[in-house]
Protein backbone atom coordinates (compact mmCIF):
# COMPACT_ATOMS: atom_id res chain seq x y z
CA MET A 1 0.00 0.00 0.00
CA GLY A 2 1.05 3.54 -0.62
CA SER A 3 1.29 6.42 1.74
CA CYS A 4 -0.57 9.71 1.80
CA GLY A 5 2.63 11.51 2.74
CA CYS A 6 1.38 12.27 6.24
CA GLY A 7 2.99 9.28 7.92
CA HIS A 8 -0.10 7.06 7.73
CA ALA A 9 -0.54 4.08 5.43
CA ALA A 10 -3.19 4.31 2.71
CA GLY A 11 -6.59 3.63 4.29
CA ALA A 12 -5.43 4.96 7.67
CA GLY A 13 -5.25 8.40 9.26
CA PRO A 14 -7.04 11.00 7.11
CA PHE A 15 -7.89 8.32 4.53
CA ALA A 16 -9.50 5.88 6.99
CA GLU A 17 -13.18 5.04 6.65
CA GLY A 18 -16.17 4.82 8.97
CA ARG A 19 -15.68 5.07 12.71
CA ALA A 20 -11.86 4.92 12.31
CA LEU A 21 -11.89 8.21 10.39
CA VAL A 22 -14.25 9.86 12.88
CA GLU A 23 -11.94 8.85 15.73
CA PHE A 24 -8.84 10.02 13.83
CA VAL A 25 -10.34 13.46 13.04
CA SER A 26 -11.68 13.81 16.61
CA GLN A 27 -8.19 13.29 18.04
CA ALA A 28 -6.12 15.07 15.35
CA HIS A 29 -4.08 18.06 16.46
CA GLY A 30 -4.87 17.44 20.10
CA GLY A 31 -8.61 17.41 19.46
CA THR A 32 -8.72 20.92 18.03
CA LEU A 33 -9.48 19.95 14.43
CA LYS A 34 -12.92 18.47 15.08
CA ASN A 35 -14.58 21.82 15.84
CA GLN A 36 -12.92 23.83 13.07
CA SER A 37 -15.21 25.09 10.32
CA LEU A 38 -15.06 23.51 6.89
CA PRO A 39 -14.13 25.79 3.99
CA ASP A 40 -16.89 27.52 2.04
CA GLY A 41 -19.51 27.12 4.76
CA GLY A 42 -19.47 23.33 4.87
CA LEU A 43 -20.84 20.46 2.82
CA ALA A 44 -24.46 19.57 2.07
CA ALA A 45 -24.81 16.08 3.51
CA THR A 46 -27.35 13.35 4.14
CA CYS A 47 -27.22 11.53 7.47
CA GLN A 48 -25.93 8.02 6.96
CA GLY A 49 -28.06 6.91 9.92
CA CYS A 50 -31.53 8.41 9.44
CA GLY A 51 -31.33 10.00 5.98
CA ALA A 52 -32.01 13.58 7.13
CA PRO A 53 -30.29 16.38 5.21
CA PHE A 54 -27.87 18.58 7.17
CA ILE A 55 -24.81 20.77 6.67
CA GLN A 56 -21.46 19.28 7.67
CA ALA A 57 -20.21 22.61 9.04
CA THR A 58 -17.19 21.36 11.01
CA PHE A 59 -14.82 18.43 10.53
CA VAL A 60 -16.91 16.42 13.03
CA THR A 61 -20.65 17.11 13.02
CA SER A 62 -23.71 15.43 14.55
CA CYS A 63 -26.93 15.00 12.64
CA PRO A 64 -29.51 17.40 14.12
CA GLU A 65 -32.25 14.76 13.78
CA CYS A 66 -30.73 11.56 15.22
CA GLY A 67 -27.37 12.66 16.65
CA GLY A 68 -25.38 10.37 14.33
CA VAL A 69 -21.75 11.50 14.21
CA HIS A 70 -20.12 12.20 10.84
CA ALA A 71 -16.60 13.38 9.96
CA VAL A 72 -14.51 14.36 6.99
CA SER A 73 -10.74 14.88 6.96
CA PRO A 74 -9.05 18.04 5.62
CA PRO A 75 -7.54 16.48 2.50
CA ARG A 76 -10.96 15.06 1.55
CA SER A 77 -13.21 17.91 2.71
CA GLY A 78 -14.17 19.18 -0.73
CA ASP A 79 -16.53 16.31 -1.55
CA PRO A 80 -19.54 15.19 0.51
CA SER A 81 -19.04 11.60 -0.67
CA ASN A 82 -15.97 11.51 1.62
CA ILE A 83 -18.03 12.07 4.79
CA GLN A 84 -17.74 9.05 7.06
CA PHE A 85 -20.20 7.86 9.73
CA ALA A 86 -19.40 6.66 13.26
CA GLY A 87 -23.00 5.87 14.17
CA VAL A 88 -25.85 7.06 16.33
CA GLY A 89 -24.85 7.22 19.98
CA TYR A 90 -21.15 7.49 19.21
């Protein structure tokens, strides 16, 4: 496997999927990244738990309907298809 150049193997770190990505982003930079605003006002998203539309405004965001936690990493934050889901009650 290749490397993303950030010290993590492909499929790990900012390129992980699901809960692993949410946990990575939540802990990145001492936990400060998760609450930072996404560029351009965020991404239009659909909750991967309940299907409700919402705006992914920060790198880690909860669905306003069901509380399902979603995250996107900085190198992948330009495309809503890169949003990953940790689950409801995470």
